[in-house]
C-alpha cells in the first residue's frame, strides 16, 4: 500500500464518519391527558354521605366507561329518590332505597 493510498483511505473514512448523524433519542410520544375521576366524598354517618359516595362512584364509572351512560342515568335517578327520602328525614327508607339501587345495578 502506498502512502497516497493510505492517505486516501483515511480521508475517505473521515468523510464517511462526518456524514453519520449522532445517536439522538426518538421524539417523546404524545400522551393524551387523562380525565380526572370525580373525588369520592369523605366518609360520614347517615344516609346523605352514603348516597353521595355511591353517586360519586357511579359518576366516575360513567366517566371512565366502566358503566354505560343510560344505565348510569337510571342508577342516578334511583339514587335521587333515596336522597330525597334522606332529605325529608326518612333515613330508614332512604337507606333501603340506596341498598336496593346498589343491588339492582350490581354495586356491593
N, C-alpha and C. Protein backbone atom coordinates (compact mmCIF):
# COMPACT_ATOMS: atom_id res chain seq x y z
N UNK A 1 0.84 -1.15 0.00
CA UNK A 1 0.00 0.00 0.00
C UNK A 1 0.89 1.23 0.00
N UNK A 2 0.61 2.14 -0.89
CA UNK A 2 1.43 3.34 -1.00
C UNK A 2 0.97 4.37 0.01
N UNK A 3 1.82 5.32 0.34
CA UNK A 3 1.42 6.36 1.29
C UNK A 3 0.23 7.15 0.78
N UNK A 4 0.12 7.31 -0.52
CA UNK A 4 -1.00 8.09 -1.05
C UNK A 4 -2.31 7.31 -0.89
N UNK A 5 -2.26 5.99 -1.08
CA UNK A 5 -3.50 5.21 -0.94
C UNK A 5 -3.92 5.15 0.52
N UNK A 6 -2.96 5.12 1.44
CA UNK A 6 -3.29 5.15 2.87
C UNK A 6 -3.93 6.46 3.26
N UNK A 7 -3.38 7.56 2.68
CA UNK A 7 -3.94 8.89 2.95
C UNK A 7 -5.35 8.99 2.38
N UNK A 8 -5.56 8.44 1.22
CA UNK A 8 -6.87 8.48 0.58
C UNK A 8 -7.88 7.68 1.40
N UNK A 9 -7.43 6.52 1.90
CA UNK A 9 -8.33 5.70 2.71
C UNK A 9 -8.71 6.41 3.99
N UNK A 10 -7.74 7.06 4.64
CA UNK A 10 -8.01 7.79 5.87
C UNK A 10 -8.95 8.96 5.61
N UNK A 11 -8.73 9.65 4.48
CA UNK A 11 -9.59 10.77 4.13
C UNK A 11 -11.02 10.28 3.85
N UNK A 12 -11.14 9.16 3.15
CA UNK A 12 -12.45 8.60 2.85
C UNK A 12 -13.17 8.16 4.13
N UNK A 13 -12.43 7.56 5.04
CA UNK A 13 -13.00 7.15 6.33
C UNK A 13 -13.47 8.36 7.12
N UNK A 14 -12.67 9.40 7.15
CA UNK A 14 -13.04 10.62 7.87
C UNK A 14 -14.28 11.26 7.31
N UNK A 15 -14.40 11.28 5.99
CA UNK A 15 -15.58 11.89 5.35
C UNK A 15 -16.82 11.05 5.65
N UNK A 16 -16.69 9.73 5.62
CA UNK A 16 -17.86 8.90 5.88
C UNK A 16 -18.31 9.01 7.33
N UNK A 17 -17.36 9.15 8.25
CA UNK A 17 -17.73 9.33 9.66
C UNK A 17 -18.38 10.68 9.90
N UNK A 18 -17.95 11.69 9.18
CA UNK A 18 -18.53 13.02 9.34
C UNK A 18 -19.97 13.05 8.86
N UNK A 19 -20.29 12.19 7.92
CA UNK A 19 -21.65 12.15 7.39
C UNK A 19 -22.63 11.45 8.33
N UNK A 20 -22.13 10.70 9.30
CA UNK A 20 -23.00 10.00 10.24
C UNK A 20 -23.67 10.99 11.19
N UNK A 21 -24.90 10.72 11.50
CA UNK A 21 -25.61 11.55 12.47
C UNK A 21 -25.37 10.95 13.85
N UNK A 22 -25.23 11.79 14.85
CA UNK A 22 -25.09 11.25 16.19
C UNK A 22 -26.40 10.59 16.61
N UNK A 23 -26.29 9.65 17.53
CA UNK A 23 -27.49 8.98 18.04
C UNK A 23 -28.34 9.98 18.79
N UNK A 24 -29.56 10.14 18.33
CA UNK A 24 -30.50 11.02 19.01
C UNK A 24 -31.67 10.18 19.47
N UNK A 25 -32.17 10.46 20.64
CA UNK A 25 -33.31 9.69 21.12
C UNK A 25 -34.53 9.99 20.27
N UNK A 26 -35.42 9.01 20.12
CA UNK A 26 -36.65 9.26 19.36
C UNK A 26 -37.50 10.29 20.08
N UNK A 27 -38.31 11.02 19.33
CA UNK A 27 -39.16 12.02 19.98
C UNK A 27 -40.12 11.35 20.96
N UNK A 28 -40.40 12.05 22.02
CA UNK A 28 -41.31 11.51 23.04
C UNK A 28 -42.70 11.36 22.44
N UNK A 29 -43.34 10.28 22.77
CA UNK A 29 -44.70 10.04 22.29
C UNK A 29 -45.65 11.01 22.97
N UNK A 30 -46.59 11.50 22.21
CA UNK A 30 -47.59 12.40 22.77
C UNK A 30 -48.48 11.61 23.72
N UNK A 31 -48.70 12.14 24.87
CA UNK A 31 -49.53 11.47 25.88
C UNK A 31 -50.82 12.25 26.01
N UNK A 32 -51.92 11.56 25.80
CA UNK A 32 -53.22 12.21 25.93
C UNK A 32 -53.52 12.46 27.40
N UNK A 33 -54.09 13.61 27.71
CA UNK A 33 -54.43 13.88 29.10
C UNK A 33 -55.52 12.92 29.57
N UNK A 34 -55.44 12.53 30.81
CA UNK A 34 -56.42 11.63 31.40
C UNK A 34 -57.42 12.46 32.18
N UNK A 35 -58.68 12.19 31.93
CA UNK A 35 -59.71 12.92 32.66
C UNK A 35 -59.64 12.54 34.13
N UNK A 36 -59.69 13.55 34.97
CA UNK A 36 -59.64 13.30 36.41
C UNK A 36 -60.96 12.66 36.85
N UNK A 37 -60.83 11.65 37.64
CA UNK A 37 -62.02 10.99 38.18
C UNK A 37 -62.62 11.87 39.26
N UNK A 38 -63.93 11.88 39.35
CA UNK A 38 -64.55 12.67 40.42
C UNK A 38 -64.08 12.20 41.78
N UNK A 39 -63.90 13.14 42.67
CA UNK A 39 -63.44 12.80 44.02
C UNK A 39 -64.56 12.11 44.78
N UNK A 40 -64.20 11.09 45.54
CA UNK A 40 -65.16 10.39 46.38
C UNK A 40 -65.37 11.23 47.64
N UNK A 41 -66.62 11.56 47.97
CA UNK A 41 -66.86 12.37 49.17
C UNK A 41 -66.33 11.66 50.42
N UNK A 42 -65.96 12.43 51.40
CA UNK A 42 -65.43 11.83 52.63
C UNK A 42 -66.50 10.99 53.33
N UNK A 43 -66.04 10.13 54.18
CA UNK A 43 -66.94 9.27 54.92
C UNK A 43 -67.78 10.05 55.90
N UNK A 44 -68.71 9.38 56.46
CA UNK A 44 -69.59 10.01 57.43
C UNK A 44 -70.75 9.07 57.70
N UNK A 45 -71.45 9.34 58.75
CA UNK A 45 -72.57 8.50 59.13
C UNK A 45 -73.85 9.06 58.51
N UNK A 46 -74.82 8.21 58.40
CA UNK A 46 -76.11 8.65 57.91
C UNK A 46 -76.29 8.37 56.43
N UNK A 47 -77.52 8.64 55.99
CA UNK A 47 -77.87 8.31 54.61
C UNK A 47 -77.24 9.26 53.60
N UNK A 48 -77.09 10.53 53.94
CA UNK A 48 -76.56 11.51 52.99
C UNK A 48 -75.18 11.17 52.46
N UNK A 49 -74.19 10.97 53.34
CA UNK A 49 -72.85 10.64 52.85
C UNK A 49 -72.80 9.31 52.09
N UNK A 50 -73.57 8.33 52.52
CA UNK A 50 -73.57 7.02 51.84
C UNK A 50 -74.09 7.17 50.41
N UNK A 51 -75.16 7.90 50.24
CA UNK A 51 -75.74 8.11 48.92
C UNK A 51 -74.78 8.93 48.06
N UNK A 52 -74.18 9.96 48.64
CA UNK A 52 -73.23 10.81 47.90
C UNK A 52 -72.01 10.02 47.44
N UNK A 53 -71.50 9.12 48.29
CA UNK A 53 -70.36 8.29 47.89
C UNK A 53 -70.73 7.39 46.71
N UNK A 54 -71.92 6.77 46.79
CA UNK A 54 -72.35 5.90 45.70
C UNK A 54 -72.53 6.70 44.42
N UNK A 55 -73.09 7.89 44.51
CA UNK A 55 -73.28 8.73 43.32
C UNK A 55 -71.93 9.10 42.71
N UNK A 56 -70.95 9.40 43.55
CA UNK A 56 -69.61 9.74 43.04
C UNK A 56 -68.99 8.55 42.31
N UNK A 57 -69.21 7.35 42.83
CA UNK A 57 -68.69 6.15 42.19
C UNK A 57 -69.37 5.94 40.84
N UNK A 58 -70.68 6.13 40.80
CA UNK A 58 -71.43 5.99 39.54
C UNK A 58 -70.91 7.01 38.53
N UNK A 59 -70.75 8.26 38.94
CA UNK A 59 -70.24 9.30 38.04
C UNK A 59 -68.87 8.93 37.50
N UNK A 60 -68.01 8.43 38.37
CA UNK A 60 -66.67 8.02 37.96
C UNK A 60 -66.73 6.86 36.98
N UNK A 61 -67.59 5.88 37.25
CA UNK A 61 -67.70 4.72 36.38
C UNK A 61 -68.25 5.10 35.00
N UNK A 62 -69.17 6.04 34.95
CA UNK A 62 -69.68 6.51 33.66
C UNK A 62 -68.57 7.27 32.92
N UNK A 63 -67.84 8.12 33.64
CA UNK A 63 -66.78 8.92 33.01
C UNK A 63 -65.66 8.05 32.44
N UNK A 64 -65.37 6.93 33.08
CA UNK A 64 -64.28 6.06 32.62
C UNK A 64 -64.77 4.98 31.66
N UNK A 65 -66.08 4.91 31.43
CA UNK A 65 -66.61 3.91 30.51
C UNK A 65 -66.87 2.56 31.15
N UNK A 66 -66.71 2.46 32.46
CA UNK A 66 -66.98 1.20 33.14
C UNK A 66 -68.48 0.96 33.31
N UNK A 67 -69.27 1.98 33.10
CA UNK A 67 -70.73 1.88 33.19
C UNK A 67 -71.28 2.73 32.05
N UNK A 68 -72.18 2.16 31.25
CA UNK A 68 -72.66 2.98 30.12
C UNK A 68 -73.60 4.06 30.62
N UNK A 69 -73.69 5.12 29.84
CA UNK A 69 -74.40 6.32 30.28
C UNK A 69 -75.89 6.10 30.58
N UNK A 70 -76.63 5.38 29.74
CA UNK A 70 -78.05 5.18 30.07
C UNK A 70 -78.25 4.46 31.40
N UNK A 71 -77.43 3.46 31.69
CA UNK A 71 -77.54 2.76 32.97
C UNK A 71 -77.16 3.70 34.11
N UNK A 72 -76.12 4.51 33.89
CA UNK A 72 -75.71 5.48 34.90
C UNK A 72 -76.82 6.47 35.21
N UNK A 73 -77.57 6.88 34.18
CA UNK A 73 -78.69 7.82 34.40
C UNK A 73 -79.80 7.17 35.22
N UNK A 74 -80.11 5.90 34.91
CA UNK A 74 -81.15 5.21 35.69
C UNK A 74 -80.70 5.01 37.13
N UNK A 75 -79.45 4.64 37.31
CA UNK A 75 -78.89 4.46 38.67
C UNK A 75 -78.96 5.79 39.42
N UNK A 76 -78.57 6.87 38.76
CA UNK A 76 -78.60 8.19 39.41
C UNK A 76 -80.03 8.60 39.78
N UNK A 77 -80.99 8.26 38.93
CA UNK A 77 -82.39 8.58 39.25
C UNK A 77 -82.84 7.82 40.48
N UNK A 78 -82.43 6.54 40.58
CA UNK A 78 -82.77 5.77 41.78
C UNK A 78 -82.10 6.36 43.02
N UNK A 79 -80.86 6.80 42.87
CA UNK A 79 -80.17 7.42 44.00
C UNK A 79 -80.80 8.76 44.37
N UNK A 80 -81.34 9.47 43.39
CA UNK A 80 -82.01 10.75 43.68
C UNK A 80 -83.25 10.51 44.54
N UNK A 81 -83.96 9.41 44.29
CA UNK A 81 -85.12 9.09 45.14
C UNK A 81 -84.66 8.81 46.57
N UNK A 82 -83.56 8.09 46.71
CA UNK A 82 -83.03 7.82 48.05
C UNK A 82 -82.59 9.12 48.71
N UNK A 83 -81.96 10.00 47.94
CA UNK A 83 -81.51 11.29 48.50
C UNK A 83 -82.70 12.15 48.93
N UNK A 84 -83.79 12.10 48.17
CA UNK A 84 -84.99 12.87 48.53
C UNK A 84 -85.58 12.35 49.84
N UNK A 85 -85.63 11.05 50.00
CA UNK A 85 -86.13 10.47 51.25
C UNK A 85 -85.21 10.86 52.41
N UNK A 86 -83.92 10.86 52.16
CA UNK A 86 -82.96 11.23 53.20
C UNK A 86 -83.16 12.69 53.62
N UNK A 87 -83.31 13.57 52.62
CA UNK A 87 -83.51 15.00 52.91
C UNK A 87 -84.79 15.26 53.68
N UNK A 88 -85.79 14.39 53.46
CA UNK A 88 -87.08 14.54 54.13
C UNK A 88 -87.07 13.94 55.54
N UNK A 89 -85.90 13.42 55.95
CA UNK A 89 -85.78 12.87 57.29
C UNK A 89 -86.21 11.42 57.40
N UNK A 90 -86.43 10.76 56.28
CA UNK A 90 -86.84 9.36 56.30
C UNK A 90 -85.61 8.49 56.04
N UNK A 91 -84.71 8.44 57.03
CA UNK A 91 -83.42 7.77 56.87
C UNK A 91 -83.57 6.29 56.58
N UNK A 92 -84.45 5.61 57.28
CA UNK A 92 -84.65 4.17 57.05
C UNK A 92 -85.06 3.88 55.62
N UNK A 93 -86.03 4.65 55.12
CA UNK A 93 -86.48 4.48 53.73
C UNK A 93 -85.35 4.80 52.77
N UNK A 94 -84.61 5.87 53.06
CA UNK A 94 -83.50 6.27 52.19
C UNK A 94 -82.45 5.18 52.09
N UNK A 95 -82.10 4.60 53.24
CA UNK A 95 -81.08 3.54 53.23
C UNK A 95 -81.57 2.29 52.51
N UNK A 96 -82.87 1.99 52.63
CA UNK A 96 -83.43 0.84 51.90
C UNK A 96 -83.40 1.10 50.39
N UNK A 97 -83.79 2.30 49.98
CA UNK A 97 -83.76 2.65 48.55
C UNK A 97 -82.32 2.61 48.02
N UNK A 98 -81.40 3.11 48.83
CA UNK A 98 -79.99 3.12 48.46
C UNK A 98 -79.48 1.68 48.28
N UNK A 99 -79.77 0.82 49.24
CA UNK A 99 -79.33 -0.57 49.17
C UNK A 99 -79.97 -1.28 47.98
N UNK A 100 -81.25 -1.01 47.72
CA UNK A 100 -81.94 -1.64 46.59
C UNK A 100 -81.32 -1.20 45.26
N UNK A 101 -80.99 0.08 45.15
CA UNK A 101 -80.37 0.57 43.91
C UNK A 101 -79.00 -0.06 43.71
N UNK A 102 -78.22 -0.13 44.76
CA UNK A 102 -76.88 -0.74 44.64
C UNK A 102 -77.00 -2.20 44.21
N UNK A 103 -77.93 -2.92 44.81
CA UNK A 103 -78.11 -4.33 44.45
C UNK A 103 -78.60 -4.49 43.01
N UNK A 104 -79.53 -3.62 42.61
CA UNK A 104 -80.10 -3.69 41.26
C UNK A 104 -79.03 -3.52 40.18
N UNK A 105 -78.05 -2.67 40.43
CA UNK A 105 -77.01 -2.39 39.44
C UNK A 105 -75.70 -3.12 39.73
N UNK A 106 -75.72 -4.01 40.70
CA UNK A 106 -74.55 -4.84 40.97
C UNK A 106 -73.41 -4.16 41.71
N UNK A 107 -73.73 -3.18 42.53
CA UNK A 107 -72.72 -2.49 43.33
C UNK A 107 -72.84 -2.96 44.78
N UNK A 108 -71.81 -3.58 45.31
CA UNK A 108 -71.90 -4.11 46.69
C UNK A 108 -71.99 -3.02 47.74
